C-alpha atoms as a PDB file:
ATOM      1  CA  UNK A   1       9.608 -34.265 -30.937  1.00  0.00           C
ATOM      2  CA  UNK A   2       9.058 -31.658 -33.108  1.00  0.00           C
ATOM      3  CA  UNK A   3       7.522 -33.286 -36.572  1.00  0.00           C
ATOM      4  CA  UNK A   4       6.088 -32.132 -39.799  1.00  0.00           C
ATOM      5  CA  UNK A   5       3.026 -33.861 -38.873  1.00  0.00           C
ATOM      6  CA  UNK A   6       2.331 -30.797 -36.542  1.00  0.00           C
ATOM      7  CA  UNK A   7       3.764 -27.883 -37.996  1.00  0.00           C
ATOM      8  CA  UNK A   8       1.515 -25.092 -39.281  1.00  0.00           C
ATOM      9  CA  UNK A   9       1.910 -22.662 -42.034  1.00  0.00           C
ATOM     10  CA  UNK A  10       3.769 -19.760 -40.473  1.00  0.00           C
ATOM     11  CA  UNK A  11       5.534 -16.827 -41.375  1.00  0.00           C
ATOM     12  CA  UNK A  12       8.764 -16.628 -43.271  1.00  0.00           C
ATOM     13  CA  UNK A  13      10.915 -13.580 -42.240  1.00  0.00           C
ATOM     14  CA  UNK A  14      13.863 -12.318 -44.929  1.00  0.00           C
ATOM     15  CA  UNK A  15      16.388  -9.748 -44.822  1.00  0.00           C
ATOM     16  CA  UNK A  16      19.029  -8.695 -47.297  1.00  0.00           C
ATOM     17  CA  UNK A  17      22.501  -9.066 -46.162  1.00  0.00           C
ATOM     18  CA  UNK A  18      26.016  -8.087 -47.416  1.00  0.00           C
ATOM     19  CA  UNK A  19      28.463 -10.697 -46.598  1.00  0.00           C
ATOM     20  CA  UNK A  20      31.037  -8.713 -43.840  1.00  0.00           C
ATOM     21  CA  UNK A  21      31.335  -9.520 -40.432  1.00  0.00           C
ATOM     22  CA  UNK A  22      29.816  -6.671 -38.615  1.00  0.00           C
ATOM     23  CA  UNK A  23      26.597  -6.820 -41.018  1.00  0.00           C
ATOM     24  CA  UNK A  24      26.194 -10.555 -40.350  1.00  0.00           C
ATOM     25  CA  UNK A  25      25.891  -9.554 -36.397  1.00  0.00           C
ATOM     26  CA  UNK A  26      23.548  -6.674 -37.123  1.00  0.00           C
ATOM     27  CA  UNK A  27      21.314  -8.608 -39.711  1.00  0.00           C
ATOM     28  CA  UNK A  28      20.943 -11.460 -37.712  1.00  0.00           C
ATOM     29  CA  UNK A  29      19.793  -9.474 -34.407  1.00  0.00           C
ATOM     30  CA  UNK A  30      17.485  -7.365 -36.547  1.00  0.00           C
ATOM     31  CA  UNK A  31      15.734 -10.294 -38.390  1.00  0.00           C
ATOM     32  CA  UNK A  32      15.471 -12.662 -35.367  1.00  0.00           C
ATOM     33  CA  UNK A  33      13.920  -9.723 -33.392  1.00  0.00           C
ATOM     34  CA  UNK A  34      10.933  -9.880 -35.847  1.00  0.00           C
ATOM     35  CA  UNK A  35      10.485 -13.531 -35.257  1.00  0.00           C
ATOM     36  CA  UNK A  36       8.482 -15.116 -32.361  1.00  0.00           C
ATOM     37  CA  UNK A  37      12.451 -17.130 -31.518  1.00  0.00           C
ATOM     38  CA  UNK A  38      12.823 -15.260 -28.135  1.00  0.00           C
ATOM     39  CA  UNK A  39       9.143 -16.464 -26.799  1.00  0.00           C
ATOM     40  CA  UNK A  40      10.068 -20.149 -28.171  1.00  0.00           C
ATOM     41  CA  UNK A  41      13.110 -20.409 -26.162  1.00  0.00           C
ATOM     42  CA  UNK A  42      11.761 -19.447 -22.815  1.00  0.00           C
ATOM     43  CA  UNK A  43      11.086 -22.739 -21.307  1.00  0.00           C
ATOM     44  CA  UNK A  44      14.151 -24.053 -23.298  1.00  0.00           C
ATOM     45  CA  UNK A  45      17.440 -24.942 -21.373  1.00  0.00           C
ATOM     46  CA  UNK A  46      19.552 -26.420 -24.190  1.00  0.00           C
ATOM     47  CA  UNK A  47      20.088 -25.375 -27.745  1.00  0.00           C
ATOM     48  CA  UNK A  48      21.507 -27.435 -30.369  1.00  0.00           C
ATOM     49  CA  UNK A  49      22.747 -25.200 -33.680  1.00  0.00           C
ATOM     50  CA  UNK A  50      22.805 -27.584 -36.639  1.00  0.00           C
ATOM     51  CA  UNK A  51      24.771 -26.616 -39.384  1.00  0.00           C
ATOM     52  CA  UNK A  52      25.299 -27.709 -42.919  1.00  0.00           C
ATOM     53  CA  UNK A  53      28.823 -29.273 -42.819  1.00  0.00           C
ATOM     54  CA  UNK A  54      28.552 -32.100 -45.232  1.00  0.00           C
ATOM     55  CA  UNK A  55      32.026 -32.112 -46.066  1.00  0.00           C
ATOM     56  CA  UNK A  56      34.737 -30.188 -45.116  1.00  0.00           C
ATOM     57  CA  UNK A  57      34.481 -27.590 -47.965  1.00  0.00           C
ATOM     58  CA  UNK A  58      34.335 -24.045 -47.708  1.00  0.00           C
ATOM     59  CA  UNK A  59      31.059 -21.687 -47.889  1.00  0.00           C
ATOM     60  CA  UNK A  60      28.756 -21.678 -49.804  1.00  0.00           C
ATOM     61  CA  UNK A  61      28.789 -25.504 -49.723  1.00  0.00           C
ATOM     62  CA  UNK A  62      28.825 -25.297 -46.175  1.00  0.00           C
ATOM     63  CA  UNK A  63      27.469 -22.764 -43.422  1.00  0.00           C
ATOM     64  CA  UNK A  64      29.444 -20.292 -42.942  1.00  0.00           C
ATOM     65  CA  UNK A  65      30.890 -20.074 -39.231  1.00  0.00           C
ATOM     66  CA  UNK A  66      30.364 -16.326 -39.286  1.00  0.00           C
ATOM     67  CA  UNK A  67      26.565 -16.899 -38.861  1.00  0.00           C
ATOM     68  CA  UNK A  68      27.111 -19.491 -36.611  1.00  0.00           C
ATOM     69  CA  UNK A  69      28.812 -16.906 -34.465  1.00  0.00           C
ATOM     70  CA  UNK A  70      26.344 -14.210 -35.006  1.00  0.00           C
ATOM     71  CA  UNK A  71      23.534 -16.539 -34.044  1.00  0.00           C
ATOM     72  CA  UNK A  72      25.261 -17.736 -30.827  1.00  0.00           C
ATOM     73  CA  UNK A  73      25.854 -14.168 -29.800  1.00  0.00           C
ATOM     74  CA  UNK A  74      22.043 -13.406 -30.535  1.00  0.00           C
ATOM     75  CA  UNK A  75      21.071 -16.314 -28.383  1.00  0.00           C
ATOM     76  CA  UNK A  76      23.151 -15.277 -25.384  1.00  0.00           C
ATOM     77  CA  UNK A  77      21.825 -11.840 -25.533  1.00  0.00           C
ATOM     78  CA  UNK A  78      17.966 -12.886 -25.459  1.00  0.00           C
ATOM     79  CA  UNK A  79      18.450 -16.116 -23.431  1.00  0.00           C
ATOM     80  CA  UNK A  80      21.098 -15.638 -21.159  1.00  0.00           C
ATOM     81  CA  UNK A  81      20.039 -18.936 -19.422  1.00  0.00           C
ATOM     82  CA  UNK A  82      20.868 -21.158 -22.512  1.00  0.00           C
ATOM     83  CA  UNK A  83      23.196 -24.008 -22.643  1.00  0.00           C
ATOM     84  CA  UNK A  84      24.256 -23.490 -26.584  1.00  0.00           C
ATOM     85  CA  UNK A  85      26.020 -26.586 -28.546  1.00  0.00           C
ATOM     86  CA  UNK A  86      26.820 -27.016 -32.531  1.00  0.00           C
ATOM     87  CA  UNK A  87      26.028 -30.380 -33.505  1.00  0.00           C
ATOM     88  CA  UNK A  88      26.322 -31.948 -37.073  1.00  0.00           C
ATOM     89  CA  UNK A  89      27.270 -35.156 -38.438  1.00  0.00           C
ATOM     90  CA  UNK A  90      29.249 -35.088 -41.716  1.00  0.00           C
ATOM     91  CA  UNK A  91      28.564 -37.084 -44.605  1.00  0.00           C
ATOM     92  CA  UNK A  92      32.052 -38.008 -45.550  1.00  0.00           C
ATOM     93  CA  UNK A  93      33.829 -41.438 -44.627  1.00  0.00           C
ATOM     94  CA  UNK A  94      37.236 -40.375 -44.841  1.00  0.00           C
ATOM     95  CA  UNK A  95      37.173 -38.016 -41.276  1.00  0.00           C
ATOM     96  CA  UNK A  96      34.848 -37.298 -38.732  1.00  0.00           C
ATOM     97  CA  UNK A  97      32.542 -34.431 -38.136  1.00  0.00           C
ATOM     98  CA  UNK A  98      35.365 -32.628 -35.972  1.00  0.00           C
ATOM     99  CA  UNK A  99      37.906 -32.389 -39.076  1.00  0.00           C
ATOM    100  CA  UNK A 100      35.273 -30.271 -40.371  1.00  0.00           C
ATOM    101  CA  UNK A 101      34.705 -28.221 -37.192  1.00  0.00           C
ATOM    102  CA  UNK A 102      38.782 -27.621 -37.412  1.00  0.00           C
ATOM    103  CA  UNK A 103      38.952 -26.963 -41.312  1.00  0.00           C
ATOM    104  CA  UNK A 104      36.165 -24.659 -41.447  1.00  0.00           C
ATOM    105  CA  UNK A 105      36.692 -22.446 -38.253  1.00  0.00           C
ATOM    106  CA  UNK A 106      34.208 -23.881 -35.853  1.00  0.00           C
ATOM    107  CA  UNK A 107      36.818 -24.803 -33.211  1.00  0.00           C
ATOM    108  CA  UNK A 108      38.615 -21.315 -33.056  1.00  0.00           C
ATOM    109  CA  UNK A 109      34.582 -19.989 -32.884  1.00  0.00           C
ATOM    110  CA  UNK A 110      33.774 -22.653 -30.149  1.00  0.00           C
ATOM    111  CA  UNK A 111      36.696 -21.591 -27.933  1.00  0.00           C
ATOM    112  CA  UNK A 112      35.704 -17.869 -28.258  1.00  0.00           C
ATOM    113  CA  UNK A 113      32.113 -18.557 -27.295  1.00  0.00           C
ATOM    114  CA  UNK A 114      32.604 -21.154 -24.990  1.00  0.00           C
ATOM    115  CA  UNK A 115      30.306 -23.490 -26.333  1.00  0.00           C
ATOM    116  CA  UNK A 116      30.505 -27.265 -27.247  1.00  0.00           C
ATOM    117  CA  UNK A 117      30.938 -28.706 -30.837  1.00  0.00           C
ATOM    118  CA  UNK A 118      29.224 -32.028 -31.071  1.00  0.00           C
ATOM    119  CA  UNK A 119      29.793 -34.763 -33.998  1.00  0.00           C
ATOM    120  CA  UNK A 120      26.323 -36.509 -33.833  1.00  0.00           C
ATOM    121  CA  UNK A 121      27.559 -39.409 -35.893  1.00  0.00           C
ATOM    122  CA  UNK A 122      28.441 -41.822 -33.190  1.00  0.00           C
ATOM    123  CA  UNK A 123      26.153 -40.808 -30.670  1.00  0.00           C
ATOM    124  CA  UNK A 124      23.986 -43.256 -28.662  1.00  0.00           C
ATOM    125  CA  UNK A 125      20.951 -43.512 -30.739  1.00  0.00           C
ATOM    126  CA  UNK A 126      17.302 -44.259 -30.149  1.00  0.00           C
ATOM    127  CA  UNK A 127      14.949 -46.510 -32.339  1.00  0.00           C
ATOM    128  CA  UNK A 128      11.365 -44.838 -33.476  1.00  0.00           C
ATOM    129  CA  UNK A 129       8.749 -46.285 -35.248  1.00  0.00           C
ATOM    130  CA  UNK A 130       5.511 -45.302 -37.060  1.00  0.00           C
ATOM    131  CA  UNK A 131       3.599 -47.176 -39.561  1.00  0.00           C
ATOM    132  CA  UNK A 132       2.476 -44.377 -41.651  1.00  0.00           C
ATOM    133  CA  UNK A 133       6.254 -43.710 -42.835  1.00  0.00           C
ATOM    134  CA  UNK A 134       6.668 -45.633 -46.085  1.00  0.00           C
ATOM    135  CA  UNK A 135      10.275 -45.288 -46.505  1.00  0.00           C
ATOM    136  CA  UNK A 136      11.338 -45.326 -42.626  1.00  0.00           C
ATOM    137  CA  UNK A 137       8.575 -47.221 -40.741  1.00  0.00           C
ATOM    138  CA  UNK A 138      11.594 -47.096 -38.278  1.00  0.00           C
ATOM    139  CA  UNK A 139      14.145 -44.770 -37.739  1.00  0.00           C
ATOM    140  CA  UNK A 140      17.438 -44.616 -35.565  1.00  0.00           C
ATOM    141  CA  UNK A 141      17.971 -40.684 -34.463  1.00  0.00           C
ATOM    142  CA  UNK A 142      20.453 -39.656 -31.848  1.00  0.00           C
ATOM    143  CA  UNK A 143      18.943 -39.894 -28.145  1.00  0.00           C
ATOM    144  CA  UNK A 144      20.430 -35.952 -27.796  1.00  0.00           C
ATOM    145  CA  UNK A 145      17.433 -34.820 -30.196  1.00  0.00           C
ATOM    146  CA  UNK A 146      14.950 -35.928 -27.754  1.00  0.00           C
ATOM    147  CA  UNK A 147      15.273 -33.471 -25.267  1.00  0.00           C
ATOM    148  CA  UNK A 148      17.020 -30.120 -27.094  1.00  0.00           C
ATOM    149  CA  UNK A 149      15.643 -27.284 -29.065  1.00  0.00           C
ATOM    150  CA  UNK A 150      16.804 -28.049 -32.656  1.00  0.00           C
ATOM    151  CA  UNK A 151      17.847 -24.889 -34.676  1.00  0.00           C
ATOM    152  CA  UNK A 152      18.668 -25.756 -38.139  1.00  0.00           C
ATOM    153  CA  UNK A 153      20.983 -23.250 -40.036  1.00  0.00           C
ATOM    154  CA  UNK A 154      21.045 -24.685 -43.783  1.00  0.00           C
ATOM    155  CA  UNK A 155      22.635 -23.400 -46.840  1.00  0.00           C
ATOM    156  CA  UNK A 156      20.528 -22.289 -49.871  1.00  0.00           C
ATOM    157  CA  UNK A 157      21.499 -25.097 -52.419  1.00  0.00           C
ATOM    158  CA  UNK A 158      20.094 -27.001 -55.479  1.00  0.00           C
ATOM    159  CA  UNK A 159      20.470 -30.774 -55.185  1.00  0.00           C
ATOM    160  CA  UNK A 160      21.083 -33.411 -57.921  1.00  0.00           C
ATOM    161  CA  UNK A 161      18.832 -36.256 -56.295  1.00  0.00           C
ATOM    162  CA  UNK A 162      16.687 -34.361 -54.125  1.00  0.00           C
ATOM    163  CA  UNK A 163      16.104 -31.168 -56.261  1.00  0.00           C
ATOM    164  CA  UNK A 164      17.036 -28.895 -53.173  1.00  0.00           C
ATOM    165  CA  UNK A 165      18.776 -28.880 -49.887  1.00  0.00           C
ATOM    166  CA  UNK A 166      17.310 -26.646 -47.354  1.00  0.00           C
ATOM    167  CA  UNK A 167      16.247 -27.021 -43.838  1.00  0.00           C
ATOM    168  CA  UNK A 168      14.332 -30.440 -44.074  1.00  0.00           C
ATOM    169  CA  UNK A 169      17.185 -32.148 -45.960  1.00  0.00           C
ATOM    170  CA  UNK A 170      19.592 -30.579 -43.461  1.00  0.00           C
ATOM    171  CA  UNK A 171      17.958 -33.020 -40.822  1.00  0.00           C
ATOM    172  CA  UNK A 172      20.453 -35.779 -42.969  1.00  0.00           C
ATOM    173  CA  UNK A 173      23.115 -35.171 -40.611  1.00  0.00           C
ATOM    174  CA  UNK A 174      21.340 -36.603 -37.783  1.00  0.00           C
ATOM    175  CA  UNK A 175      21.382 -39.944 -39.412  1.00  0.00           C
ATOM    176  CA  UNK A 176      23.926 -42.206 -37.913  1.00  0.00           C
ATOM    177  CA  UNK A 177      26.450 -43.756 -40.164  1.00  0.00           C
ATOM    178  CA  UNK A 178      25.786 -47.090 -38.525  1.00  0.00           C
ATOM    179  CA  UNK A 179      22.430 -47.408 -39.756  1.00  0.00           C
ATOM    180  CA  UNK A 180      22.281 -45.254 -42.661  1.00  0.00           C
ATOM    181  CA  UNK A 181      25.434 -45.987 -44.624  1.00  0.00           C
ATOM    182  CA  UNK A 182      25.016 -49.169 -46.524  1.00  0.00           C
ATOM    183  CA  UNK A 183      28.099 -49.494 -48.115  1.00  0.00           C
ATOM    184  CA  UNK A 184      29.539 -46.674 -50.497  1.00  0.00           C
ATOM    185  CA  UNK A 185      31.652 -43.754 -49.937  1.00  0.00           C
ATOM    186  CA  UNK A 186      29.354 -41.528 -48.170  1.00  0.00           C
ATOM    187  CA  UNK A 187      27.872 -41.914 -44.330  1.00  0.00           C
ATOM    188  CA  UNK A 188      24.153 -41.541 -45.200  1.00  0.00           C
ATOM    189  CA  UNK A 189      23.986 -43.482 -48.383  1.00  0.00           C
ATOM    190  CA  UNK A 190      20.876 -45.324 -47.353  1.00  0.00           C
ATOM    191  CA  UNK A 191      19.163 -42.098 -48.135  1.00  0.00           C
ATOM    192  CA  UNK A 192      20.164 -42.077 -52.024  1.00  0.00           C
ATOM    193  CA  UNK A 193      17.488 -44.536 -52.469  1.00  0.00           C
ATOM    194  CA  UNK A 194      13.801 -43.194 -52.562  1.00  0.00           C
ATOM    195  CA  UNK A 195      15.410 -39.772 -51.725  1.00  0.00           C
ATOM    196  CA  UNK A 196      12.387 -37.634 -51.237  1.00  0.00           C
ATOM    197  CA  UNK A 197      10.621 -40.095 -49.425  1.00  0.00           C
ATOM    198  CA  UNK A 198      13.611 -40.626 -47.202  1.00  0.00           C
ATOM    199  CA  UNK A 199      13.639 -36.842 -46.575  1.00  0.00           C
ATOM    200  CA  UNK A 200      10.111 -36.697 -45.735  1.00  0.00           C
ATOM    201  CA  UNK A 201       9.927 -39.818 -43.491  1.00  0.00           C
ATOM    202  CA  UNK A 202      12.876 -38.231 -41.384  1.00  0.00           C
ATOM    203  CA  UNK A 203      11.128 -34.886 -40.785  1.00  0.00           C
ATOM    204  CA  UNK A 204       8.200 -36.894 -39.800  1.00  0.00           C
ATOM    205  CA  UNK A 205      10.191 -37.978 -36.798  1.00  0.00           C
ATOM    206  CA  UNK A 206      12.137 -35.136 -36.170  1.00  0.00           C
ATOM    207  CA  UNK A 207      11.982 -31.498 -37.734  1.00  0.00           C
ATOM    208  CA  UNK A 208      13.848 -28.653 -36.770  1.00  0.00           C
ATOM    209  CA  UNK A 209      12.100 -26.299 -34.262  1.00  0.00           C
ATOM    210  CA  UNK A 210      13.497 -23.033 -35.859  1.00  0.00           C
ATOM    211  CA  UNK A 211      15.709 -22.553 -38.829  1.00  0.00           C
ATOM    212  CA  UNK A 212      17.980 -19.420 -39.713  1.00  0.00           C
ATOM    213  CA  UNK A 213      18.889 -20.129 -43.576  1.00  0.00           C
ATOM    214  CA  UNK A 214      22.248 -18.727 -45.205  1.00  0.00           C
ATOM    215  CA  UNK A 215      20.704 -17.522 -48.455  1.00  0.00           C
ATOM    216  CA  UNK A 216      23.721 -14.861 -48.760  1.00  0.00           C
ATOM    217  CA  UNK A 217      24.968 -16.804 -51.817  1.00  0.00           C
ATOM    218  CA  UNK A 218      23.527 -20.077 -53.133  1.00  0.00           C
ATOM    219  CA  UNK A 219      24.313 -23.016 -55.081  1.00  0.00           C
ATOM    220  CA  UNK A 220      22.308 -23.228 -58.339  1.00  0.00           C
ATOM    221  CA  UNK A 221      22.962 -26.364 -59.744  1.00  0.00           C
ATOM    222  CA  UNK A 222      24.282 -28.603 -57.060  1.00  0.00           C
ATOM    223  CA  UNK A 223      25.551 -28.920 -53.560  1.00  0.00           C
ATOM    224  CA  UNK A 224      28.914 -29.805 -53.907  1.00  0.00           C
ATOM    225  CA  UNK A 225      29.825 -28.408 -57.140  1.00  0.00           C
ATOM    226  CA  UNK A 226      29.005 -26.056 -59.874  1.00  0.00           C
ATOM    227  CA  UNK A 227      28.198 -22.621 -60.160  1.00  0.00           C
ATOM    228  CA  UNK A 228      27.169 -20.101 -57.348  1.00  0.00           C
ATOM    229  CA  UNK A 229      23.919 -18.161 -57.751  1.00  0.00           C
ATOM    230  CA  UNK A 230      24.792 -14.992 -60.013  1.00  0.00           C
ATOM    231  CA  UNK A 231      23.999 -12.413 -58.541  1.00  0.00           C
ATOM    232  CA  UNK A 232      24.384 -13.632 -55.028  1.00  0.00           C
ATOM    233  CA  UNK A 233      21.047 -14.061 -53.301  1.00  0.00           C
ATOM    234  CA  UNK A 234      22.211 -11.687 -50.584  1.00  0.00           C
ATOM    235  CA  UNK A 235      19.655 -12.600 -47.971  1.00  0.00           C
ATOM    236  CA  UNK A 236      19.196 -14.654 -44.481  1.00  0.00           C
ATOM    237  CA  UNK A 237      15.775 -16.245 -44.013  1.00  0.00           C
ATOM    238  CA  UNK A 238      14.218 -17.421 -40.583  1.00  0.00           C
ATOM    239  CA  UNK A 239      11.188 -19.040 -39.557  1.00  0.00           C
ATOM    240  CA  UNK A 240       9.673 -21.674 -37.148  1.00  0.00           C
ATOM    241  CA  UNK A 241       7.964 -23.484 -40.120  1.00  0.00           C
ATOM    242  CA  UNK A 242      10.593 -25.790 -41.827  1.00  0.00           C
ATOM    243  CA  UNK A 243       8.061 -26.297 -44.761  1.00  0.00           C
ATOM    244  CA  UNK A 244       7.444 -22.674 -45.305  1.00  0.00           C
ATOM    245  CA  UNK A 245      10.952 -21.807 -45.132  1.00  0.00           C
ATOM    246  CA  UNK A 246      11.757 -24.709 -47.869  1.00  0.00           C
ATOM    247  CA  UNK A 247       8.844 -23.347 -50.049  1.00  0.00           C
ATOM    248  CA  UNK A 248      10.464 -19.850 -49.908  1.00  0.00           C
ATOM    249  CA  UNK A 249      13.814 -21.473 -50.548  1.00  0.00           C
ATOM    250  CA  UNK A 250      12.819 -22.830 -53.732  1.00  0.00           C
ATOM    251  CA  UNK A 251      11.650 -19.620 -54.936  1.00  0.00           C
ATOM    252  CA  UNK A 252      14.835 -17.670 -54.372  1.00  0.00           C
ATOM    253  CA  UNK A 253      16.584 -20.901 -56.260  1.00  0.00           C
ATOM    254  CA  UNK A 254      14.042 -20.239 -59.457  1.00  0.00           C
ATOM    255  CA  UNK A 255      12.087 -23.658 -58.394  1.00  0.00           C
ATOM    256  CA  UNK A 256       8.762 -24.970 -57.946  1.00  0.00           C
ATOM    257  CA  UNK A 257       8.273 -26.325 -54.451  1.00  0.00           C
ATOM    258  CA  UNK A 258       5.242 -28.463 -55.945  1.00  0.00           C
ATOM    259  CA  UNK A 259       7.939 -30.241 -57.825  1.00  0.00           C
ATOM    260  CA  UNK A 260      10.174 -31.028 -54.804  1.00  0.00           C
ATOM    261  CA  UNK A 261       8.441 -34.198 -53.709  1.00  0.00           C
ATOM    262  CA  UNK A 262       9.473 -33.976 -49.623  1.00  0.00           C
ATOM    263  CA  UNK A 263       8.051 -30.543 -49.608  1.00  0.00           C
ATOM    264  CA  UNK A 264       5.234 -31.220 -51.450  1.00  0.00           C
ATOM    265  CA  UNK A 265       4.305 -34.420 -49.314  1.00  0.00           C
ATOM    266  CA  UNK A 266       5.045 -32.150 -46.133  1.00  0.00           C
ATOM    267  CA  UNK A 267       2.566 -29.473 -47.317  1.00  0.00           C
ATOM    268  CA  UNK A 268      -0.217 -32.082 -48.007  1.00  0.00           C
ATOM    269  CA  UNK A 269      -0.159 -32.827 -43.784  1.00  0.00           C
ATOM    270  CA  UNK A 270      -1.518 -29.344 -43.155  1.00  0.00           C
ATOM    271  CA  UNK A 271      -4.999 -28.600 -42.188  1.00  0.00           C
ATOM    272  CA  UNK A 272      -4.823 -25.603 -44.573  1.00  0.00           C
ATOM    273  CA  UNK A 273      -3.390 -25.238 -48.059  1.00  0.00           C
ATOM    274  CA  UNK A 274      -2.545 -21.938 -47.923  1.00  0.00           C
ATOM    275  CA  UNK A 275       1.204 -20.953 -48.596  1.00  0.00           C
ATOM    276  CA  UNK A 276       3.537 -18.895 -46.211  1.00  0.00           C
ATOM    277  CA  UNK A 277       3.190 -15.200 -45.305  1.00  0.00           C
ATOM    278  CA  UNK A 278       6.533 -13.858 -46.402  1.00  0.00           C
ATOM    279  CA  UNK A 279       7.778 -10.838 -44.016  1.00  0.00           C
ATOM    280  CA  UNK A 280      10.364  -8.496 -45.548  1.00  0.00           C
ATOM    281  CA  UNK A 281      12.380  -7.061 -42.533  1.00  0.00           C
END
């Protein structure tokens, strides 16, 4: 499985976008055509698209369904052989992920596109172990993640505990509540203890194979409440490198990635300490 331990510094692709449906599809096609995504998918049979549906709340708190549908259409165009699924594990303990799918328009989109929606939370999990991980020397993740291409679609947001929630932190939706709730009113509450190490270690076990980030608006102070970025950031961003795209996401939010420990720790693992190359599309 892809890990931040074996990522390399990669290009980050960014393009301006307006928030109307037709422009979303055109912008996704234009942006992803400049990346190496098509080449990466040649030997892939199944793609799991992982949005951020932390709760059943409207964008920009969550990933807009229009962006996911545009991505599905793009994948179908460049790789007609692919099986495409959309999967997430909400953090809410009041309802399951299918409630988020229904509330936020994903159920109708999936019916239109003929794709499967998957609640990651109750899936059978696999125990993994890595003594180098201080927070999670053992980790439980859905077995489904073993054999699929994981395409993360996070939202550009600040976070009160993690500093930011971008593609590396978006992986928390994969953590099964059976192992990571530990009481409280949130399904992944174990991550709140030593948050930075928790996110870093998680990505040492499994990190996204590719990321398409929604930065059309942005949340400037927190991930569930507070002001939007003003003016809206107005961009979508793509990269095969989760560390580099999170560095760039910090820049878009006016934050120093060196002060976000889960990103800084991942960057230290690289053979080269050079920062990302930004390609404007």
